[in-house]
């Protein structure tokens, strides 16, 4: 199963609980790849994300007090701002 590694940085002004799921691995029941608190501008460690084409992966994320953001594309080595 090919994977890539990407980090995610909180772009929100206060500490919040974040949940990030890998939409490519199992679209019907995507696994959680991160569930924890991030401070403002704090990144996650590099997370493994499934890729079916070797270039792009798809994740969804949700802040504890916000809506789910879906179909966010990531590439190997990228850092994605989440808010």
N, C-alpha and C. Protein backbone atom coordinates (compact mmCIF):
# COMPACT_ATOMS: atom_id res chain seq x y z
N UNK A 1 0.85 -1.16 0.00
CA UNK A 1 0.00 0.00 0.00
C UNK A 1 0.91 1.24 0.00
N UNK A 2 0.93 2.00 -1.09
CA UNK A 2 1.81 3.17 -1.16
C UNK A 2 1.31 4.31 -0.26
N UNK A 3 2.25 4.94 0.41
CA UNK A 3 1.91 6.06 1.28
C UNK A 3 2.85 7.22 1.03
N UNK A 4 2.44 8.38 1.49
CA UNK A 4 3.29 9.56 1.50
C UNK A 4 3.26 10.10 2.92
N UNK A 5 4.14 11.06 3.20
CA UNK A 5 4.19 11.64 4.54
C UNK A 5 3.94 13.14 4.43
N UNK A 6 3.06 13.65 5.28
CA UNK A 6 2.71 15.07 5.28
C UNK A 6 2.50 15.54 6.71
N UNK A 7 2.71 16.83 6.94
CA UNK A 7 2.44 17.43 8.25
C UNK A 7 1.31 18.42 8.11
N UNK A 8 0.69 18.73 9.24
CA UNK A 8 -0.46 19.63 9.27
C UNK A 8 -0.25 20.63 10.39
N UNK A 9 -0.38 21.92 10.07
CA UNK A 9 -0.12 22.99 11.04
C UNK A 9 -1.42 23.70 11.38
N UNK A 10 -1.67 23.85 12.69
CA UNK A 10 -2.86 24.57 13.14
C UNK A 10 -2.74 26.04 12.77
N UNK A 11 -3.72 26.53 12.04
CA UNK A 11 -3.77 27.93 11.63
C UNK A 11 -4.87 28.65 12.41
N UNK A 12 -5.24 28.07 13.55
CA UNK A 12 -6.30 28.64 14.38
C UNK A 12 -5.66 29.36 15.56
N UNK A 13 -6.27 30.41 16.05
CA UNK A 13 -5.68 31.28 17.06
C UNK A 13 -5.65 30.77 18.48
N UNK A 14 -6.25 29.62 18.75
CA UNK A 14 -6.28 29.06 20.10
C UNK A 14 -6.05 27.55 20.03
N UNK A 15 -5.67 26.97 21.16
CA UNK A 15 -5.49 25.53 21.25
C UNK A 15 -6.83 24.84 21.02
N UNK A 16 -6.82 23.82 20.16
CA UNK A 16 -8.04 23.06 19.88
C UNK A 16 -7.69 21.60 19.64
N UNK A 17 -8.69 20.74 19.83
CA UNK A 17 -8.58 19.33 19.51
C UNK A 17 -8.84 19.17 18.01
N UNK A 18 -7.94 18.46 17.33
CA UNK A 18 -8.06 18.23 15.89
C UNK A 18 -8.16 16.73 15.63
N UNK A 19 -8.98 16.37 14.65
CA UNK A 19 -9.06 15.00 14.17
C UNK A 19 -8.78 15.02 12.67
N UNK A 20 -7.83 14.19 12.24
CA UNK A 20 -7.47 14.09 10.83
C UNK A 20 -7.66 12.64 10.42
N UNK A 21 -8.36 12.42 9.29
CA UNK A 21 -8.60 11.07 8.80
C UNK A 21 -8.06 10.93 7.38
N UNK A 22 -7.66 9.71 7.04
CA UNK A 22 -7.12 9.37 5.72
C UNK A 22 -8.26 8.88 4.84
N UNK A 23 -8.77 9.74 3.96
CA UNK A 23 -9.92 9.39 3.12
C UNK A 23 -9.59 8.37 2.04
N UNK A 24 -8.34 8.26 1.65
CA UNK A 24 -7.98 7.35 0.57
C UNK A 24 -7.89 5.90 0.99
N UNK A 25 -7.60 5.65 2.24
CA UNK A 25 -7.37 4.27 2.69
C UNK A 25 -8.67 3.46 2.69
N UNK A 26 -9.75 4.02 3.20
CA UNK A 26 -11.05 3.35 3.20
C UNK A 26 -12.12 4.43 3.23
N UNK A 27 -12.65 4.81 2.06
CA UNK A 27 -13.62 5.91 2.00
C UNK A 27 -14.88 5.69 2.84
N UNK A 28 -15.25 4.42 3.07
CA UNK A 28 -16.46 4.14 3.84
C UNK A 28 -16.24 4.26 5.34
N UNK A 29 -15.02 4.05 5.77
CA UNK A 29 -14.68 4.14 7.19
C UNK A 29 -13.22 4.60 7.31
N UNK A 30 -12.96 5.87 6.99
CA UNK A 30 -11.58 6.33 6.96
C UNK A 30 -10.92 6.30 8.34
N UNK A 31 -9.70 5.76 8.42
CA UNK A 31 -9.03 5.67 9.71
C UNK A 31 -8.53 7.03 10.19
N UNK A 32 -8.58 7.22 11.49
CA UNK A 32 -8.05 8.43 12.10
C UNK A 32 -6.53 8.31 12.12
N UNK A 33 -5.82 9.32 11.59
CA UNK A 33 -4.36 9.30 11.61
C UNK A 33 -3.81 10.30 12.62
N UNK A 34 -4.66 11.20 13.11
CA UNK A 34 -4.25 12.13 14.18
C UNK A 34 -5.49 12.51 14.96
N UNK A 35 -5.37 12.50 16.28
CA UNK A 35 -6.44 12.96 17.16
C UNK A 35 -5.77 13.54 18.39
N UNK A 36 -5.64 14.86 18.42
CA UNK A 36 -4.95 15.48 19.54
C UNK A 36 -5.04 16.99 19.49
N UNK A 37 -4.53 17.61 20.53
CA UNK A 37 -4.54 19.06 20.63
C UNK A 37 -3.34 19.66 19.92
N UNK A 38 -3.56 20.78 19.24
CA UNK A 38 -2.48 21.56 18.65
C UNK A 38 -2.63 23.00 19.11
N UNK A 39 -1.51 23.61 19.47
CA UNK A 39 -1.46 25.03 19.80
C UNK A 39 -1.41 25.82 18.50
N UNK A 40 -1.65 27.15 18.54
CA UNK A 40 -1.53 27.96 17.32
C UNK A 40 -0.15 27.78 16.68
N UNK A 41 -0.14 27.57 15.39
CA UNK A 41 1.07 27.38 14.57
C UNK A 41 1.86 26.11 14.89
N UNK A 42 1.31 25.22 15.69
CA UNK A 42 2.00 23.96 16.00
C UNK A 42 1.69 22.93 14.92
N UNK A 43 2.71 22.26 14.38
CA UNK A 43 2.47 21.20 13.39
C UNK A 43 2.33 19.83 14.05
N UNK A 44 1.72 18.92 13.33
CA UNK A 44 1.73 17.52 13.72
C UNK A 44 3.10 16.95 13.36
N UNK A 45 3.38 15.74 13.82
CA UNK A 45 4.52 15.02 13.28
C UNK A 45 4.16 14.62 11.85
N UNK A 46 5.11 14.13 11.08
CA UNK A 46 4.80 13.66 9.73
C UNK A 46 3.87 12.45 9.83
N UNK A 47 2.74 12.53 9.15
CA UNK A 47 1.73 11.47 9.19
C UNK A 47 1.72 10.72 7.86
N UNK A 48 1.51 9.41 7.91
CA UNK A 48 1.40 8.61 6.70
C UNK A 48 -0.01 8.71 6.13
N UNK A 49 -0.07 9.01 4.83
CA UNK A 49 -1.35 9.15 4.12
C UNK A 49 -1.29 8.23 2.90
N UNK A 50 -2.33 7.45 2.68
CA UNK A 50 -2.40 6.56 1.52
C UNK A 50 -2.45 7.36 0.23
N UNK A 51 -1.78 6.87 -0.80
CA UNK A 51 -1.85 7.46 -2.13
C UNK A 51 -2.06 6.36 -3.15
N UNK A 52 -3.03 6.52 -4.03
CA UNK A 52 -3.24 5.48 -5.05
C UNK A 52 -2.46 5.77 -6.32
N UNK A 53 -1.99 7.02 -6.49
CA UNK A 53 -1.24 7.36 -7.70
C UNK A 53 0.22 7.71 -7.43
N UNK A 54 0.65 7.64 -6.18
CA UNK A 54 2.03 7.95 -5.84
C UNK A 54 2.33 9.43 -5.70
N UNK A 55 1.34 10.29 -5.97
CA UNK A 55 1.55 11.74 -5.92
C UNK A 55 0.70 12.44 -4.88
N UNK A 56 -0.58 12.11 -4.83
CA UNK A 56 -1.52 12.82 -3.98
C UNK A 56 -2.23 11.88 -3.02
N UNK A 57 -2.51 12.40 -1.83
CA UNK A 57 -3.36 11.72 -0.87
C UNK A 57 -4.51 12.64 -0.52
N UNK A 58 -5.57 12.08 0.05
CA UNK A 58 -6.73 12.90 0.45
C UNK A 58 -7.02 12.67 1.92
N UNK A 59 -7.18 13.79 2.62
CA UNK A 59 -7.52 13.71 4.04
C UNK A 59 -8.76 14.56 4.29
N UNK A 60 -9.34 14.35 5.45
CA UNK A 60 -10.40 15.22 5.97
C UNK A 60 -9.97 15.58 7.38
N UNK A 61 -10.33 16.78 7.81
CA UNK A 61 -9.99 17.17 9.17
C UNK A 61 -11.13 17.94 9.80
N UNK A 62 -11.13 17.94 11.12
CA UNK A 62 -12.16 18.67 11.86
C UNK A 62 -11.56 19.22 13.14
N UNK A 63 -11.83 20.50 13.37
CA UNK A 63 -11.50 21.14 14.65
C UNK A 63 -12.65 20.84 15.60
N UNK A 64 -12.37 20.72 16.88
CA UNK A 64 -13.40 20.31 17.85
C UNK A 64 -14.63 21.21 17.84
N UNK A 65 -14.47 22.46 17.44
CA UNK A 65 -15.62 23.37 17.41
C UNK A 65 -15.95 23.84 16.00
N UNK A 66 -15.58 23.05 14.99
CA UNK A 66 -15.82 23.47 13.61
C UNK A 66 -16.34 22.34 12.75
N UNK A 67 -16.70 22.67 11.49
CA UNK A 67 -17.22 21.66 10.57
C UNK A 67 -16.11 20.79 10.00
N UNK A 68 -16.48 19.63 9.48
CA UNK A 68 -15.54 18.73 8.81
C UNK A 68 -15.14 19.34 7.47
N UNK A 69 -13.85 19.34 7.18
CA UNK A 69 -13.32 19.78 5.89
C UNK A 69 -12.87 18.52 5.16
N UNK A 70 -13.42 18.26 3.98
CA UNK A 70 -13.15 17.00 3.29
C UNK A 70 -12.41 17.21 1.97
N UNK A 71 -11.84 16.11 1.47
CA UNK A 71 -11.15 16.08 0.18
C UNK A 71 -10.02 17.09 0.07
N UNK A 72 -9.23 17.20 1.12
CA UNK A 72 -8.05 18.06 1.10
C UNK A 72 -6.90 17.25 0.52
N UNK A 73 -6.33 17.70 -0.60
CA UNK A 73 -5.23 16.99 -1.24
C UNK A 73 -3.91 17.36 -0.60
N UNK A 74 -3.05 16.35 -0.40
CA UNK A 74 -1.72 16.57 0.14
C UNK A 74 -0.71 15.82 -0.72
N UNK A 75 0.53 16.28 -0.69
CA UNK A 75 1.62 15.64 -1.42
C UNK A 75 2.72 15.24 -0.44
N UNK A 76 3.62 14.40 -0.90
CA UNK A 76 4.70 13.93 -0.04
C UNK A 76 5.57 15.10 0.42
N UNK A 77 5.79 15.18 1.72
CA UNK A 77 6.63 16.23 2.29
C UNK A 77 5.93 17.56 2.49
N UNK A 78 4.66 17.64 2.15
CA UNK A 78 3.95 18.92 2.26
C UNK A 78 3.57 19.24 3.70
N UNK A 79 3.35 20.54 3.94
CA UNK A 79 2.79 21.00 5.22
C UNK A 79 1.52 21.75 4.88
N UNK A 80 0.41 21.31 5.41
CA UNK A 80 -0.90 21.88 5.11
C UNK A 80 -1.42 22.63 6.32
N UNK A 81 -1.83 23.89 6.10
CA UNK A 81 -2.43 24.69 7.17
C UNK A 81 -3.87 24.23 7.36
N UNK A 82 -4.26 24.00 8.61
CA UNK A 82 -5.63 23.61 8.92
C UNK A 82 -6.22 24.67 9.85
N UNK A 83 -7.48 25.03 9.60
CA UNK A 83 -8.10 26.07 10.43
C UNK A 83 -9.57 25.83 10.64
